[in-house]
Amino acid sequence: MAIYIVDSNFFIEAHRKSYPLDVAFSFWNKVKQLANEGEIISIDKVKNELYDKNDDLEIWCKANLPMDFFKSTSTSISSYSKVCNWAVSKKNHYNETALNEFLDADEADAFLVAYTLDDNENRILVTHEVSDLNIKRKIKIPEACNGLNVRFLSVMDMFRELKETF
């Protein structure tokens, strides 16, 4: 069974742009349902990114996501090393700031790729990020996924694959 690993932008973009908490109840009810069913999960680094603003999104997540929604990445160190090696191999393309940001142990992106890579057969990374090989100032999740053969989807493609509507 496929499990979808959601990036912090899954929540942030929805909350700030497309599906505000005070308007799009059906979206947030669907997220809660998928989380409770174990169809979607995330990682501890995403939790840290979501729980640093003390805003309505943080309050919603604390009230509606299962206690075990955010998985520990402590078991992903071997895969994280592979992700880091891939990033360093791209040092001639990306600038130093991009590499440092991507490899920062407090940032979620590299760990999301690593956690998904840990069980590449059953885990699919979900992000709003879109590949752009011309950008040198930021390593986008899709580039790392493509470089490491990790499957990823956009948010709407995930909903389509799950045959979910809201």
Protein backbone atom coordinates (compact mmCIF):
# COMPACT_ATOMS: atom_id res chain seq x y z
CA MET A 1 0.00 0.00 0.00
CA ALA A 2 1.37 3.40 -0.97
CA ILE A 3 1.86 5.98 1.74
CA TYR A 4 2.10 9.63 0.79
CA ILE A 5 4.72 11.71 2.60
CA VAL A 6 3.60 15.34 2.61
CA ASP A 7 5.91 18.34 2.55
CA SER A 8 5.29 21.34 4.80
CA ASN A 9 4.14 23.30 1.76
CA PHE A 10 1.22 20.85 1.46
CA PHE A 11 -0.19 22.54 4.56
CA ILE A 12 1.24 26.04 4.19
CA GLU A 13 0.16 26.65 0.59
CA ALA A 14 -3.31 25.31 1.31
CA HIS A 15 -3.71 27.45 4.41
CA ARG A 16 -2.30 30.67 2.96
CA LYS A 17 -3.48 30.50 -0.65
CA SER A 18 -5.87 27.86 -1.92
CA TYR A 19 -7.85 26.46 1.00
CA PRO A 20 -8.00 28.82 4.00
CA LEU A 21 -9.00 27.12 7.22
CA ASP A 22 -11.99 29.41 7.69
CA VAL A 23 -13.40 28.75 4.20
CA ALA A 24 -12.41 25.35 2.82
CA PHE A 25 -13.74 22.96 5.45
CA SER A 26 -14.09 20.08 3.00
CA PHE A 27 -10.38 20.20 2.12
CA TRP A 28 -9.28 20.17 5.75
CA ASN A 29 -11.77 17.44 6.63
CA LYS A 30 -10.30 15.35 3.80
CA VAL A 31 -6.77 15.96 5.09
CA LYS A 32 -7.86 14.90 8.57
CA GLN A 33 -9.54 11.77 7.16
CA LEU A 34 -6.49 10.76 5.10
CA ALA A 35 -4.20 11.36 8.07
CA ASN A 36 -6.40 9.29 10.39
CA GLU A 37 -6.49 6.48 7.82
CA GLY A 38 -2.69 6.55 7.51
CA GLU A 39 -2.84 7.41 3.80
CA ILE A 40 -0.77 10.56 4.39
CA ILE A 41 1.99 11.12 6.91
CA SER A 42 4.91 13.48 7.31
CA ILE A 43 8.17 13.74 9.20
CA ASP A 44 9.50 15.41 12.33
CA LYS A 45 11.33 18.10 10.35
CA VAL A 46 8.04 19.18 8.73
CA LYS A 47 6.45 19.31 12.17
CA ASN A 48 9.21 21.66 13.29
CA GLU A 49 8.54 23.91 10.28
CA LEU A 50 4.78 23.95 10.93
CA TYR A 51 4.99 24.36 14.69
CA ASP A 52 7.20 27.44 14.78
CA LYS A 53 4.64 30.12 13.92
CA ASN A 54 2.03 29.73 16.68
CA ASP A 55 -0.68 30.41 14.08
CA ASP A 56 -4.05 28.96 13.09
CA LEU A 57 -2.38 26.26 10.96
CA GLU A 58 -0.35 25.04 13.91
CA ILE A 59 -3.47 25.01 16.10
CA TRP A 60 -5.38 23.04 13.44
CA CYS A 61 -2.56 20.50 13.05
CA LYS A 62 -2.28 19.93 16.79
CA ALA A 63 -6.05 19.47 17.09
CA ASN A 64 -6.64 17.32 14.00
CA LEU A 65 -3.61 15.23 13.09
CA PRO A 66 -2.97 11.88 14.80
CA MET A 67 -0.26 11.83 17.44
CA ASP A 68 1.88 9.57 15.24
CA PHE A 69 1.42 11.62 12.04
CA PHE A 70 4.96 13.04 12.12
CA LYS A 71 7.46 10.20 11.83
CA SER A 72 10.99 10.32 13.18
CA THR A 73 13.78 10.65 10.63
CA SER A 74 16.36 9.23 13.05
CA THR A 75 16.25 5.92 11.15
CA SER A 76 16.84 7.64 7.79
CA ILE A 77 20.50 8.55 8.26
CA SER A 78 21.78 6.11 5.64
CA SER A 79 19.36 7.46 3.05
CA TYR A 80 20.07 11.02 4.18
CA SER A 81 23.74 10.36 3.46
CA LYS A 82 22.79 9.30 -0.10
CA VAL A 83 20.75 12.49 -0.52
CA CYS A 84 23.66 14.59 0.76
CA ASN A 85 26.08 12.85 -1.59
CA TRP A 86 23.73 13.54 -4.51
CA ALA A 87 23.49 17.23 -3.54
CA VAL A 88 27.26 17.61 -3.17
CA SER A 89 27.70 16.00 -6.59
CA LYS A 90 25.68 18.93 -7.99
CA LYS A 91 27.97 21.62 -6.49
CA ASN A 92 28.97 22.79 -9.96
CA HIS A 93 25.33 23.59 -10.74
CA TYR A 94 23.91 24.97 -7.48
CA ASN A 95 25.44 27.88 -5.61
CA GLU A 96 26.87 27.44 -2.13
CA THR A 97 23.84 28.98 -0.42
CA ALA A 98 21.51 26.48 -2.14
CA LEU A 99 23.68 23.55 -1.04
CA ASN A 100 23.98 24.82 2.53
CA GLU A 101 20.23 25.36 2.82
CA PHE A 102 19.37 21.95 1.38
CA LEU A 103 21.93 20.19 3.60
CA ASP A 104 20.97 22.09 6.78
CA ALA A 105 19.97 19.41 9.31
CA ASP A 106 17.07 21.58 10.49
CA GLU A 107 15.53 21.83 7.00
CA ALA A 108 12.97 19.26 5.93
CA ASP A 109 13.59 18.88 2.18
CA ALA A 110 16.58 16.53 2.18
CA PHE A 111 15.06 14.50 5.02
CA LEU A 112 11.75 14.18 3.14
CA VAL A 113 13.62 12.72 0.18
CA ALA A 114 15.63 10.45 2.51
CA TYR A 115 12.58 9.23 4.42
CA THR A 116 10.82 8.43 1.16
CA LEU A 117 13.95 6.73 -0.18
CA ASP A 118 13.99 4.47 2.91
CA ASP A 119 10.96 2.62 1.49
CA ASN A 120 11.02 3.69 -2.12
CA GLU A 121 8.58 0.95 -3.15
CA ASN A 122 5.77 2.14 -0.89
CA ARG A 123 6.40 5.82 -0.15
CA ILE A 124 5.58 8.73 -2.44
CA LEU A 125 6.67 12.28 -1.69
CA VAL A 126 4.00 14.98 -2.13
CA THR A 127 5.04 18.59 -2.70
CA HIS A 128 3.95 21.78 -4.39
CA GLU A 129 7.51 22.33 -5.60
CA VAL A 130 8.05 22.13 -9.34
CA SER A 131 11.28 21.20 -11.05
CA ASP A 132 13.27 24.05 -12.59
CA LEU A 133 16.74 23.00 -13.67
CA ASN A 134 17.67 26.60 -14.49
CA ILE A 135 17.53 27.70 -10.85
CA LYS A 136 20.89 27.66 -9.13
CA ARG A 137 19.89 29.39 -5.88
CA LYS A 138 17.68 26.58 -4.51
CA ILE A 139 17.65 22.81 -4.74
CA LYS A 140 14.05 21.84 -5.39
CA ILE A 141 12.66 18.58 -4.05
CA PRO A 142 11.79 17.30 -7.56
CA GLU A 143 15.44 17.58 -8.67
CA ALA A 144 16.61 15.49 -5.72
CA CYS A 145 13.81 13.00 -6.31
CA ASN A 146 14.66 12.69 -9.98
CA GLY A 147 18.36 12.31 -9.18
CA LEU A 148 17.69 9.52 -6.69
CA ASN A 149 14.75 7.81 -8.45
CA VAL A 150 12.29 8.76 -5.72
CA ARG A 151 8.66 9.00 -6.77
CA PHE A 152 6.94 12.33 -6.11
CA LEU A 153 3.60 13.89 -6.96
CA SER A 154 1.87 17.22 -6.80
CA VAL A 155 -0.89 17.59 -4.24
CA MET A 156 -3.69 17.33 -6.78
CA ASP A 157 -2.07 14.32 -8.45
CA MET A 158 -2.03 12.63 -5.05
CA PHE A 159 -5.75 13.27 -4.61
CA ARG A 160 -6.37 11.93 -8.14
CA GLU A 161 -4.30 8.83 -7.49
CA LEU A 162 -6.21 8.22 -4.26
CA LYS A 163 -9.48 8.86 -6.14
CA GLU A 164 -10.41 11.38 -3.45
CA THR A 165 -12.62 14.41 -3.87
CA PHE A 166 -13.59 17.17 -1.50
